[in-house]
Amino acid sequence: MSGGHLRDLMRLIYYACNETDDKITHSHARTAINTLIRDYEMVVRDDEYVQLVEAYRTQNPPNNELSRKLIYNNVLLVYREPDATEWKDVHPAVIQNTKFQREFNQP
């Protein structure tokens, strides 16, 4: 659920550790994931979901100010292959939120 982003992996671990003084269980991990999903819901404006769904479908969002903002905020993640090719995808925590799902399922 971190999208391969180290900062978000550490956030997930932090959130899960805050739920227990013992072992992290599946329930603690699920709570941490839900917290991360809510964190990203606060970052994305309602009108940005249209472009996020398009980016999710194509993995090639337009090179515009909104895409740059979403990349800067780690809502859109940039992946680089060993051969230096690059592709972009929506952060998994954003994909899981209800606003993204509602826009994605529009006919």
PDB file of N, CA and C in Angstrom:
ATOM      1  N   MET A   1       0.813  -1.196   0.000  1.00  0.00           N
ATOM      2  CA  MET A   1       0.000   0.000   0.000  1.00  0.00           C
ATOM      3  C   MET A   1       0.859   1.263   0.000  1.00  0.00           C
ATOM      4  N   SER A   2       2.149   1.125   0.160  1.00  0.00           N
ATOM      5  CA  SER A   2       3.031   2.302   0.158  1.00  0.00           C
ATOM      6  C   SER A   2       3.331   2.796  -1.250  1.00  0.00           C
ATOM      7  N   GLY A   3       3.015   2.000  -2.247  1.00  0.00           N
ATOM      8  CA  GLY A   3       3.331   2.377  -3.618  1.00  0.00           C
ATOM      9  C   GLY A   3       4.820   2.316  -3.916  1.00  0.00           C
ATOM     10  N   GLY A   4       5.567   1.681  -3.014  1.00  0.00           N
ATOM     11  CA  GLY A   4       7.016   1.619  -3.185  1.00  0.00           C
ATOM     12  C   GLY A   4       7.717   2.867  -2.656  1.00  0.00           C
ATOM     13  N   HIS A   5       6.957   3.747  -2.032  1.00  0.00           N
ATOM     14  CA  HIS A   5       7.518   4.996  -1.511  1.00  0.00           C
ATOM     15  C   HIS A   5       7.930   4.764  -0.061  1.00  0.00           C
ATOM     16  N   LEU A   6       9.217   4.919   0.208  1.00  0.00           N
ATOM     17  CA  LEU A   6       9.763   4.618   1.528  1.00  0.00           C
ATOM     18  C   LEU A   6       9.099   5.441   2.628  1.00  0.00           C
ATOM     19  N   ARG A   7       8.825   6.706   2.359  1.00  0.00           N
ATOM     20  CA  ARG A   7       8.198   7.552   3.378  1.00  0.00           C
ATOM     21  C   ARG A   7       6.836   6.984   3.776  1.00  0.00           C
ATOM     22  N   ASP A   8       6.066   6.525   2.801  1.00  0.00           N
ATOM     23  CA  ASP A   8       4.752   5.981   3.126  1.00  0.00           C
ATOM     24  C   ASP A   8       4.849   4.625   3.805  1.00  0.00           C
ATOM     25  N   LEU A   9       5.852   3.842   3.479  1.00  0.00           N
ATOM     26  CA  LEU A   9       6.072   2.595   4.207  1.00  0.00           C
ATOM     27  C   LEU A   9       6.327   2.902   5.685  1.00  0.00           C
ATOM     28  N   MET A  10       7.164   3.902   5.943  1.00  0.00           N
ATOM     29  CA  MET A  10       7.462   4.280   7.324  1.00  0.00           C
ATOM     30  C   MET A  10       6.215   4.839   8.018  1.00  0.00           C
ATOM     31  N   ARG A  11       5.406   5.584   7.300  1.00  0.00           N
ATOM     32  CA  ARG A  11       4.146   6.083   7.876  1.00  0.00           C
ATOM     33  C   ARG A  11       3.233   4.920   8.252  1.00  0.00           C
ATOM     34  N   LEU A  12       3.129   3.933   7.380  1.00  0.00           N
ATOM     35  CA  LEU A  12       2.293   2.773   7.683  1.00  0.00           C
ATOM     36  C   LEU A  12       2.787   2.043   8.928  1.00  0.00           C
ATOM     37  N   ILE A  13       4.090   1.875   9.012  1.00  0.00           N
ATOM     38  CA  ILE A  13       4.660   1.204  10.195  1.00  0.00           C
ATOM     39  C   ILE A  13       4.382   2.033  11.443  1.00  0.00           C
ATOM     40  N   TYR A  14       4.586   3.327  11.362  1.00  0.00           N
ATOM     41  CA  TYR A  14       4.332   4.230  12.488  1.00  0.00           C
ATOM     42  C   TYR A  14       2.872   4.144  12.931  1.00  0.00           C
ATOM     43  N   TYR A  15       1.953   4.246  11.957  1.00  0.00           N
ATOM     44  CA  TYR A  15       0.528   4.173  12.291  1.00  0.00           C
ATOM     45  C   TYR A  15       0.188   2.840  12.944  1.00  0.00           C
ATOM     46  N   ALA A  16       0.718   1.748  12.430  1.00  0.00           N
ATOM     47  CA  ALA A  16       0.430   0.426  12.995  1.00  0.00           C
ATOM     48  C   ALA A  16       1.014   0.292  14.397  1.00  0.00           C
ATOM     49  N   CYS A  17       2.215   0.810  14.592  1.00  0.00           N
ATOM     50  CA  CYS A  17       2.839   0.740  15.925  1.00  0.00           C
ATOM     51  C   CYS A  17       2.064   1.545  16.952  1.00  0.00           C
ATOM     52  N   ASN A  18       1.430   2.621  16.517  1.00  0.00           N
ATOM     53  CA  ASN A  18       0.624   3.424  17.436  1.00  0.00           C
ATOM     54  C   ASN A  18      -0.631   2.702  17.899  1.00  0.00           C
ATOM     55  N   GLU A  19      -0.972   1.612  17.245  1.00  0.00           N
ATOM     56  CA  GLU A  19      -2.167   0.857  17.591  1.00  0.00           C
ATOM     57  C   GLU A  19      -1.901  -0.242  18.619  1.00  0.00           C
ATOM     58  N   THR A  20      -0.624  -0.528  18.906  1.00  0.00           N
ATOM     59  CA  THR A  20      -0.322  -1.666  19.783  1.00  0.00           C
ATOM     60  C   THR A  20       1.006  -1.464  20.505  1.00  0.00           C
ATOM     61  N   ASP A  21       1.132  -2.145  21.612  1.00  0.00           N
ATOM     62  CA  ASP A  21       2.409  -2.213  22.317  1.00  0.00           C
ATOM     63  C   ASP A  21       3.052  -3.579  22.128  1.00  0.00           C
ATOM     64  N   ASP A  22       2.424  -4.420  21.329  1.00  0.00           N
ATOM     65  CA  ASP A  22       2.882  -5.781  21.108  1.00  0.00           C
ATOM     66  C   ASP A  22       3.075  -5.983  19.608  1.00  0.00           C
ATOM     67  N   LYS A  23       2.842  -7.165  19.133  1.00  0.00           N
ATOM     68  CA  LYS A  23       2.980  -7.464  17.710  1.00  0.00           C
ATOM     69  C   LYS A  23       1.940  -6.714  16.889  1.00  0.00           C
ATOM     70  N   ILE A  24       2.329  -6.364  15.673  1.00  0.00           N
ATOM     71  CA  ILE A  24       1.391  -5.747  14.742  1.00  0.00           C
ATOM     72  C   ILE A  24       0.571  -6.869  14.104  1.00  0.00           C
ATOM     73  N   THR A  25      -0.732  -6.769  14.238  1.00  0.00           N
ATOM     74  CA  THR A  25      -1.629  -7.766  13.678  1.00  0.00           C
ATOM     75  C   THR A  25      -2.206  -7.255  12.357  1.00  0.00           C
ATOM     76  N   HIS A  26      -2.937  -8.117  11.689  1.00  0.00           N
ATOM     77  CA  HIS A  26      -3.622  -7.727  10.460  1.00  0.00           C
ATOM     78  C   HIS A  26      -4.554  -6.545  10.728  1.00  0.00           C
ATOM     79  N   SER A  27      -5.226  -6.558  11.853  1.00  0.00           N
ATOM     80  CA  SER A  27      -6.140  -5.474  12.223  1.00  0.00           C
ATOM     81  C   SER A  27      -5.389  -4.150  12.375  1.00  0.00           C
ATOM     82  N   HIS A  28      -4.220  -4.187  12.991  1.00  0.00           N
ATOM     83  CA  HIS A  28      -3.411  -2.966  13.142  1.00  0.00           C
ATOM     84  C   HIS A  28      -2.949  -2.456  11.776  1.00  0.00           C
ATOM     85  N   ALA A  29      -2.544  -3.383  10.924  1.00  0.00           N
ATOM     86  CA  ALA A  29      -2.110  -2.996   9.579  1.00  0.00           C
ATOM     87  C   ALA A  29      -3.271  -2.384   8.804  1.00  0.00           C
ATOM     88  N   ARG A  30      -4.461  -2.975   8.926  1.00  0.00           N
ATOM     89  CA  ARG A  30      -5.638  -2.446   8.217  1.00  0.00           C
ATOM     90  C   ARG A  30      -5.973  -1.036   8.706  1.00  0.00           C
ATOM     91  N   THR A  31      -5.870  -0.813  10.010  1.00  0.00           N
ATOM     92  CA  THR A  31      -6.111   0.517  10.571  1.00  0.00           C
ATOM     93  C   THR A  31      -5.093   1.513  10.027  1.00  0.00           C
ATOM     94  N   ALA A  32      -3.837   1.092   9.939  1.00  0.00           N
ATOM     95  CA  ALA A  32      -2.782   1.959   9.399  1.00  0.00           C
ATOM     96  C   ALA A  32      -3.073   2.309   7.936  1.00  0.00           C
ATOM     97  N   ILE A  33      -3.496   1.322   7.165  1.00  0.00           N
ATOM     98  CA  ILE A  33      -3.825   1.555   5.754  1.00  0.00           C
ATOM     99  C   ILE A  33      -4.987   2.530   5.639  1.00  0.00           C
ATOM    100  N   ASN A  34      -6.012   2.342   6.438  1.00  0.00           N
ATOM    101  CA  ASN A  34      -7.159   3.254   6.396  1.00  0.00           C
ATOM    102  C   ASN A  34      -6.762   4.677   6.772  1.00  0.00           C
ATOM    103  N   THR A  35      -5.836   4.817   7.694  1.00  0.00           N
ATOM    104  CA  THR A  35      -5.341   6.140   8.068  1.00  0.00           C
ATOM    105  C   THR A  35      -4.605   6.780   6.898  1.00  0.00           C
ATOM    106  N   LEU A  36      -3.770   6.007   6.209  1.00  0.00           N
ATOM    107  CA  LEU A  36      -3.047   6.533   5.053  1.00  0.00           C
ATOM    108  C   LEU A  36      -4.025   6.926   3.938  1.00  0.00           C
ATOM    109  N   ILE A  37      -5.044   6.120   3.731  1.00  0.00           N
ATOM    110  CA  ILE A  37      -6.062   6.451   2.725  1.00  0.00           C
ATOM    111  C   ILE A  37      -6.710   7.792   3.075  1.00  0.00           C
ATOM    112  N   ARG A  38      -7.074   7.984   4.332  1.00  0.00           N
ATOM    113  CA  ARG A  38      -7.680   9.260   4.755  1.00  0.00           C
ATOM    114  C   ARG A  38      -6.703  10.413   4.597  1.00  0.00           C
ATOM    115  N   ASP A  39      -5.431  10.181   4.891  1.00  0.00           N
ATOM    116  CA  ASP A  39      -4.418  11.232   4.698  1.00  0.00           C
ATOM    117  C   ASP A  39      -4.418  11.719   3.256  1.00  0.00           C
ATOM    118  N   TYR A  40      -4.431  10.783   2.325  1.00  0.00           N
ATOM    119  CA  TYR A  40      -4.406  11.160   0.910  1.00  0.00           C
ATOM    120  C   TYR A  40      -5.732  11.761   0.442  1.00  0.00           C
ATOM    121  N   GLU A  41      -6.833  11.387   1.063  1.00  0.00           N
ATOM    122  CA  GLU A  41      -8.120  12.008   0.719  1.00  0.00           C
ATOM    123  C   GLU A  41      -8.089  13.508   0.998  1.00  0.00           C
ATOM    124  N   MET A  42      -7.355  13.907   2.020  1.00  0.00           N
ATOM    125  CA  MET A  42      -7.275  15.332   2.362  1.00  0.00           C
ATOM    126  C   MET A  42      -6.412  16.117   1.376  1.00  0.00           C
ATOM    127  N   VAL A  43      -5.549  15.436   0.650  1.00  0.00           N
ATOM    128  CA  VAL A  43      -4.627  16.101  -0.280  1.00  0.00           C
ATOM    129  C   VAL A  43      -5.266  16.355  -1.643  1.00  0.00           C
ATOM    130  N   VAL A  44      -6.168  15.473  -2.056  1.00  0.00           N
ATOM    131  CA  VAL A  44      -6.730  15.528  -3.408  1.00  0.00           C
ATOM    132  C   VAL A  44      -8.051  16.286  -3.395  1.00  0.00           C
ATOM    133  N   ARG A  45      -8.140  17.277  -4.271  1.00  0.00           N
ATOM    134  CA  ARG A  45      -9.399  18.015  -4.435  1.00  0.00           C
ATOM    135  C   ARG A  45     -10.356  17.181  -5.285  1.00  0.00           C
ATOM    136  N   ASP A  46     -11.648  17.393  -5.097  1.00  0.00           N
ATOM    137  CA  ASP A  46     -12.660  16.624  -5.825  1.00  0.00           C
ATOM    138  C   ASP A  46     -12.486  16.716  -7.335  1.00  0.00           C
ATOM    139  N   ASP A  47     -12.148  17.891  -7.845  1.00  0.00           N
ATOM    140  CA  ASP A  47     -12.035  18.064  -9.295  1.00  0.00           C
ATOM    141  C   ASP A  47     -10.766  17.423  -9.876  1.00  0.00           C
ATOM    142  N   GLU A  48      -9.876  16.938  -9.046  1.00  0.00           N
ATOM    143  CA  GLU A  48      -8.641  16.316  -9.521  1.00  0.00           C
ATOM    144  C   GLU A  48      -8.800  14.827  -9.819  1.00  0.00           C
ATOM    145  N   TYR A  49      -9.887  14.244  -9.366  1.00  0.00           N
ATOM    146  CA  TYR A  49     -10.066  12.805  -9.552  1.00  0.00           C
ATOM    147  C   TYR A  49     -10.235  12.418 -11.015  1.00  0.00           C
ATOM    148  N   VAL A  50     -10.788  13.307 -11.833  1.00  0.00           N
ATOM    149  CA  VAL A  50     -10.950  12.992 -13.258  1.00  0.00           C
ATOM    150  C   VAL A  50      -9.580  12.727 -13.882  1.00  0.00           C
ATOM    151  N   GLN A  51      -8.610  13.600 -13.616  1.00  0.00           N
ATOM    152  CA  GLN A  51      -7.270  13.401 -14.176  1.00  0.00           C
ATOM    153  C   GLN A  51      -6.579  12.201 -13.537  1.00  0.00           C
ATOM    154  N   LEU A  52      -6.829  11.957 -12.274  1.00  0.00           N
ATOM    155  CA  LEU A  52      -6.214  10.790 -11.630  1.00  0.00           C
ATOM    156  C   LEU A  52      -6.718   9.482 -12.233  1.00  0.00           C
ATOM    157  N   VAL A  53      -7.994   9.413 -12.519  1.00  0.00           N
ATOM    158  CA  VAL A  53      -8.536   8.202 -13.149  1.00  0.00           C
ATOM    159  C   VAL A  53      -7.933   8.018 -14.532  1.00  0.00           C
ATOM    160  N   GLU A  54      -7.806   9.107 -15.280  1.00  0.00           N
ATOM    161  CA  GLU A  54      -7.185   9.018 -16.606  1.00  0.00           C
ATOM    162  C   GLU A  54      -5.728   8.561 -16.492  1.00  0.00           C
ATOM    163  N   ALA A  55      -5.014   9.090 -15.511  1.00  0.00           N
ATOM    164  CA  ALA A  55      -3.624   8.673 -15.297  1.00  0.00           C
ATOM    165  C   ALA A  55      -3.551   7.199 -14.918  1.00  0.00           C
ATOM    166  N   TYR A  56      -4.491   6.746 -14.124  1.00  0.00           N
ATOM    167  CA  TYR A  56      -4.543   5.340 -13.723  1.00  0.00           C
ATOM    168  C   TYR A  56      -4.771   4.437 -14.933  1.00  0.00           C
ATOM    169  N   ARG A  57      -5.632   4.870 -15.809  1.00  0.00           N
ATOM    170  CA  ARG A  57      -5.953   4.061 -16.986  1.00  0.00           C
ATOM    171  C   ARG A  57      -4.829   4.047 -18.020  1.00  0.00           C
ATOM    172  N   THR A  58      -4.119   5.154 -18.161  1.00  0.00           N
ATOM    173  CA  THR A  58      -3.115   5.263 -19.226  1.00  0.00           C
ATOM    174  C   THR A  58      -1.679   5.147 -18.737  1.00  0.00           C
ATOM    175  N   GLN A  59      -1.452   5.411 -17.461  1.00  0.00           N
ATOM    176  CA  GLN A  59      -0.114   5.497 -16.864  1.00  0.00           C
ATOM    177  C   GLN A  59       0.738   6.535 -17.576  1.00  0.00           C
ATOM    178  N   ASN A  60       0.056   7.502 -18.187  1.00  0.00           N
ATOM    179  CA  ASN A  60       0.750   8.570 -18.902  1.00  0.00           C
ATOM    180  C   ASN A  60      -0.083   9.853 -18.809  1.00  0.00           C
ATOM    181  N   PRO A  61      -0.098  10.493 -17.621  1.00  0.00           N
ATOM    182  CA  PRO A  61      -0.889  11.714 -17.482  1.00  0.00           C
ATOM    183  C   PRO A  61      -0.286  12.858 -18.286  1.00  0.00           C
ATOM    184  N   PRO A  62      -1.083  13.873 -18.591  1.00  0.00           N
ATOM    185  CA  PRO A  62      -0.541  15.006 -19.323  1.00  0.00           C
ATOM    186  C   PRO A  62       0.532  15.729 -18.503  1.00  0.00           C
ATOM    187  N   ASN A  63       1.458  16.338 -19.195  1.00  0.00           N
ATOM    188  CA  ASN A  63       2.503  17.108 -18.522  1.00  0.00           C
ATOM    189  C   ASN A  63       1.970  18.525 -18.318  1.00  0.00           C
ATOM    190  N   ASN A  64       1.209  18.689 -17.236  1.00  0.00           N
ATOM    191  CA  ASN A  64       0.638  19.996 -16.944  1.00  0.00           C
ATOM    192  C   ASN A  64       0.851  20.336 -15.471  1.00  0.00           C
ATOM    193  N   GLU A  65       0.375  21.491 -15.093  1.00  0.00           N
ATOM    194  CA  GLU A  65       0.584  21.967 -13.724  1.00  0.00           C
ATOM    195  C   GLU A  65      -0.054  21.028 -12.696  1.00  0.00           C
ATOM    196  N   LEU A  66      -1.256  20.529 -12.989  1.00  0.00           N
ATOM    197  CA  LEU A  66      -1.920  19.628 -12.050  1.00  0.00           C
ATOM    198  C   LEU A  66      -1.124  18.336 -11.870  1.00  0.00           C
ATOM    199  N   SER A  67      -0.647  17.754 -12.954  1.00  0.00           N
ATOM    200  CA  SER A  67       0.158  16.527 -12.836  1.00  0.00           C
ATOM    201  C   SER A  67       1.411  16.772 -12.010  1.00  0.00           C
ATOM    202  N   ARG A  68       2.059  17.892 -12.250  1.00  0.00           N
ATOM    203  CA  ARG A  68       3.268  18.207 -11.467  1.00  0.00           C
ATOM    204  C   ARG A  68       2.941  18.357  -9.985  1.00  0.00           C
ATOM    205  N   LYS A  69       1.804  18.988  -9.679  1.00  0.00           N
ATOM    206  CA  LYS A  69       1.382  19.133  -8.276  1.00  0.00           C
ATOM    207  C   LYS A  69       1.109  17.759  -7.663  1.00  0.00           C
ATOM    208  N   LEU A  70       0.422  16.902  -8.403  1.00  0.00           N
ATOM    209  CA  LEU A  70       0.095  15.572  -7.886  1.00  0.00           C
ATOM    210  C   LEU A  70       1.351  14.718  -7.696  1.00  0.00           C
ATOM    211  N   ILE A  71       2.324  14.875  -8.568  1.00  0.00           N
ATOM    212  CA  ILE A  71       3.603  14.176  -8.404  1.00  0.00           C
ATOM    213  C   ILE A  71       4.333  14.722  -7.177  1.00  0.00           C
ATOM    214  N   TYR A  72       4.357  16.030  -7.034  1.00  0.00           N
ATOM    215  CA  TYR A  72       5.027  16.656  -5.890  1.00  0.00           C
ATOM    216  C   TYR A  72       4.424  16.162  -4.569  1.00  0.00           C
ATOM    217  N   ASN A  73       3.106  15.982  -4.542  1.00  0.00           N
ATOM    218  CA  ASN A  73       2.416  15.520  -3.330  1.00  0.00           C
ATOM    219  C   ASN A  73       2.357  13.998  -3.218  1.00  0.00           C
ATOM    220  N   ASN A  74       3.043  13.298  -4.108  1.00  0.00           N
ATOM    221  CA  ASN A  74       3.104  11.828  -4.122  1.00  0.00           C
ATOM    222  C   ASN A  74       1.747  11.170  -4.324  1.00  0.00           C
ATOM    223  N   VAL A  75       0.827  11.882  -4.917  1.00  0.00           N
ATOM    224  CA  VAL A  75      -0.454  11.301  -5.279  1.00  0.00           C
ATOM    225  C   VAL A  75      -0.275  10.507  -6.572  1.00  0.00           C
ATOM    226  N   LEU A  76       0.506  11.067  -7.480  1.00  0.00           N
ATOM    227  CA  LEU A  76       0.962  10.348  -8.678  1.00  0.00           C
ATOM    228  C   LEU A  76       2.403   9.943  -8.417  1.00  0.00           C
ATOM    229  N   LEU A  77       2.702   8.687  -8.577  1.00  0.00           N
ATOM    230  CA  LEU A  77       4.055   8.196  -8.343  1.00  0.00           C
ATOM    231  C   LEU A  77       4.750   7.942  -9.677  1.00  0.00           C
ATOM    232  N   VAL A  78       6.019   8.290  -9.722  1.00  0.00           N
ATOM    233  CA  VAL A  78       6.828   8.096 -10.927  1.00  0.00           C
ATOM    234  C   VAL A  78       7.703   6.874 -10.706  1.00  0.00           C
ATOM    235  N   TYR A  79       7.624   5.948 -11.638  1.00  0.00           N
ATOM    236  CA  TYR A  79       8.426   4.724 -11.579  1.00  0.00           C
ATOM    237  C   TYR A  79       9.402   4.723 -12.744  1.00  0.00           C
ATOM    238  N   ARG A  80      10.636   4.339 -12.473  1.00  0.00           N
ATOM    239  CA  ARG A  80      11.660   4.267 -13.513  1.00  0.00           C
ATOM    240  C   ARG A  80      12.164   2.835 -13.617  1.00  0.00           C
ATOM    241  N   GLU A  81      12.154   2.352 -14.834  1.00  0.00           N
ATOM    242  CA  GLU A  81      12.634   1.000 -15.113  1.00  0.00           C
ATOM    243  C   GLU A  81      14.155   1.027 -15.251  1.00  0.00           C
ATOM    244  N   PRO A  82      14.805  -0.132 -15.163  1.00  0.00           N
ATOM    245  CA  PRO A  82      16.262  -0.182 -15.315  1.00  0.00           C
ATOM    246  C   PRO A  82      16.756   0.400 -16.637  1.00  0.00           C
ATOM    247  N   ASP A  83      15.943   0.319 -17.678  1.00  0.00           N
ATOM    248  CA  ASP A  83      16.367   0.869 -18.974  1.00  0.00           C
ATOM    249  C   ASP A  83      16.063   2.362 -19.105  1.00  0.00           C
ATOM    250  N   ALA A  84      15.687   3.009 -17.986  1.00  0.00           N
ATOM    251  CA  ALA A  84      15.424   4.445 -17.896  1.00  0.00           C
ATOM    252  C   ALA A  84      14.053   4.853 -18.428  1.00  0.00           C
ATOM    253  N   THR A  85      13.241   3.899 -18.872  1.00  0.00           N
ATOM    254  CA  THR A  85      11.881   4.271 -19.235  1.00  0.00           C
ATOM    255  C   THR A  85      11.124   4.608 -17.958  1.00  0.00           C
ATOM    256  N   GLU A  86      10.147   5.448 -18.113  1.00  0.00           N
ATOM    257  CA  GLU A  86       9.433   5.977 -16.959  1.00  0.00           C
ATOM    258  C   GLU A  86       7.934   5.845 -17.188  1.00  0.00           C
ATOM    259  N   TRP A  87       7.210   5.564 -16.124  1.00  0.00           N
ATOM    260  CA  TRP A  87       5.758   5.556 -16.174  1.00  0.00           C
ATOM    261  C   TRP A  87       5.227   6.079 -14.854  1.00  0.00           C
ATOM    262  N   LYS A  88       3.997   6.498 -14.867  1.00  0.00           N
ATOM    263  CA  LYS A  88       3.391   7.095 -13.676  1.00  0.00           C
ATOM    264  C   LYS A  88       2.124   6.341 -13.325  1.00  0.00           C
ATOM    265  N   ASP A  89       1.835   6.266 -12.040  1.00  0.00           N
ATOM    266  CA  ASP A  89       0.612   5.621 -11.601  1.00  0.00           C
ATOM    267  C   ASP A  89       0.105   6.314 -10.344  1.00  0.00           C
ATOM    268  N   VAL A  90      -1.158   6.130 -10.081  1.00  0.00           N
ATOM    269  CA  VAL A  90      -1.803   6.726  -8.916  1.00  0.00           C
ATOM    270  C   VAL A  90      -1.391   5.938  -7.675  1.00  0.00           C
ATOM    271  N   HIS A  91      -1.150   6.651  -6.597  1.00  0.00           N
ATOM    272  CA  HIS A  91      -0.768   6.016  -5.336  1.00  0.00           C
ATOM    273  C   HIS A  91      -1.852   5.014  -4.925  1.00  0.00           C
ATOM    274  N   PRO A  92      -1.466   3.808  -4.489  1.00  0.00           N
ATOM    275  CA  PRO A  92      -2.461   2.792  -4.115  1.00  0.00           C
ATOM    276  C   PRO A  92      -3.451   3.262  -3.044  1.00  0.00           C
ATOM    277  N   ALA A  93      -3.014   4.117  -2.125  1.00  0.00           N
ATOM    278  CA  ALA A  93      -3.926   4.618  -1.089  1.00  0.00           C
ATOM    279  C   ALA A  93      -4.998   5.514  -1.690  1.00  0.00           C
ATOM    280  N   VAL A  94      -4.669   6.205  -2.765  1.00  0.00           N
ATOM    281  CA  VAL A  94      -5.658   7.052  -3.443  1.00  0.00           C
ATOM    282  C   VAL A  94      -6.649   6.175  -4.203  1.00  0.00           C
ATOM    283  N   ILE A  95      -6.147   5.140  -4.847  1.00  0.00           N
ATOM    284  CA  ILE A  95      -7.012   4.231  -5.608  1.00  0.00           C
ATOM    285  C   ILE A  95      -8.078   3.621  -4.694  1.00  0.00           C
ATOM    286  N   GLN A  96      -7.747   3.397  -3.437  1.00  0.00           N
ATOM    287  CA  GLN A  96      -8.666   2.752  -2.504  1.00  0.00           C
ATOM    288  C   GLN A  96      -9.739   3.692  -1.951  1.00  0.00           C
ATOM    289  N   ASN A  97      -9.569   4.999  -2.127  1.00  0.00           N
ATOM    290  CA  ASN A  97     -10.564   5.870  -1.498  1.00  0.00           C
ATOM    291  C   ASN A  97     -11.856   5.927  -2.297  1.00  0.00           C
ATOM    292  N   THR A  98     -12.936   6.255  -1.622  1.00  0.00           N
ATOM    293  CA  THR A  98     -14.265   6.184  -2.231  1.00  0.00           C
ATOM    294  C   THR A  98     -14.450   7.205  -3.351  1.00  0.00           C
ATOM    295  N   LYS A  99     -13.837   8.360  -3.246  1.00  0.00           N
ATOM    296  CA  LYS A  99     -13.984   9.373  -4.299  1.00  0.00           C
ATOM    297  C   LYS A  99     -13.333   8.902  -5.596  1.00  0.00           C
ATOM    298  N   PHE A 100     -12.159   8.296  -5.499  1.00  0.00           N
ATOM    299  CA  PHE A 100     -11.506   7.759  -6.687  1.00  0.00           C
ATOM    300  C   PHE A 100     -12.361   6.651  -7.283  1.00  0.00           C
ATOM    301  N   GLN A 101     -12.820   5.735  -6.449  1.00  0.00           N
ATOM    302  CA  GLN A 101     -13.626   4.618  -6.927  1.00  0.00           C
ATOM    303  C   GLN A 101     -14.914   5.091  -7.597  1.00  0.00           C
ATOM    304  N   ARG A 102     -15.528   6.125  -7.040  1.00  0.00           N
ATOM    305  CA  ARG A 102     -16.752   6.670  -7.634  1.00  0.00           C
ATOM    306  C   ARG A 102     -16.468   7.226  -9.018  1.00  0.00           C
ATOM    307  N   GLU A 103     -15.388   7.977  -9.163  1.00  0.00           N
ATOM    308  CA  GLU A 103     -15.028   8.551 -10.463  1.00  0.00           C
ATOM    309  C   GLU A 103     -14.622   7.452 -11.446  1.00  0.00           C
ATOM    310  N   PHE A 104     -13.900   6.457 -10.965  1.00  0.00           N
ATOM    311  CA  PHE A 104     -13.442   5.356 -11.819  1.00  0.00           C
ATOM    312  C   PHE A 104     -14.625   4.561 -12.378  1.00  0.00           C
ATOM    313  N   ASN A 105     -15.653   4.409 -11.587  1.00  0.00           N
ATOM    314  CA  ASN A 105     -16.799   3.595 -11.985  1.00  0.00           C
ATOM    315  C   ASN A 105     -17.867   4.382 -12.738  1.00  0.00           C
ATOM    316  N   GLN A 106     -17.587   5.635 -13.048  1.00  0.00           N
ATOM    317  CA  GLN A 106     -18.517   6.420 -13.880  1.00  0.00           C
ATOM    318  C   GLN A 106     -18.631   5.780 -15.254  1.00  0.00           C
ATOM    319  N   PRO A 107     -19.852   5.713 -15.817  1.00  0.00           N
ATOM    320  CA  PRO A 107     -19.994   5.106 -17.157  1.00  0.00           C
ATOM    321  C   PRO A 107     -19.369   5.959 -18.249  1.00  0.00           C
TER     322      PRO A 107
END
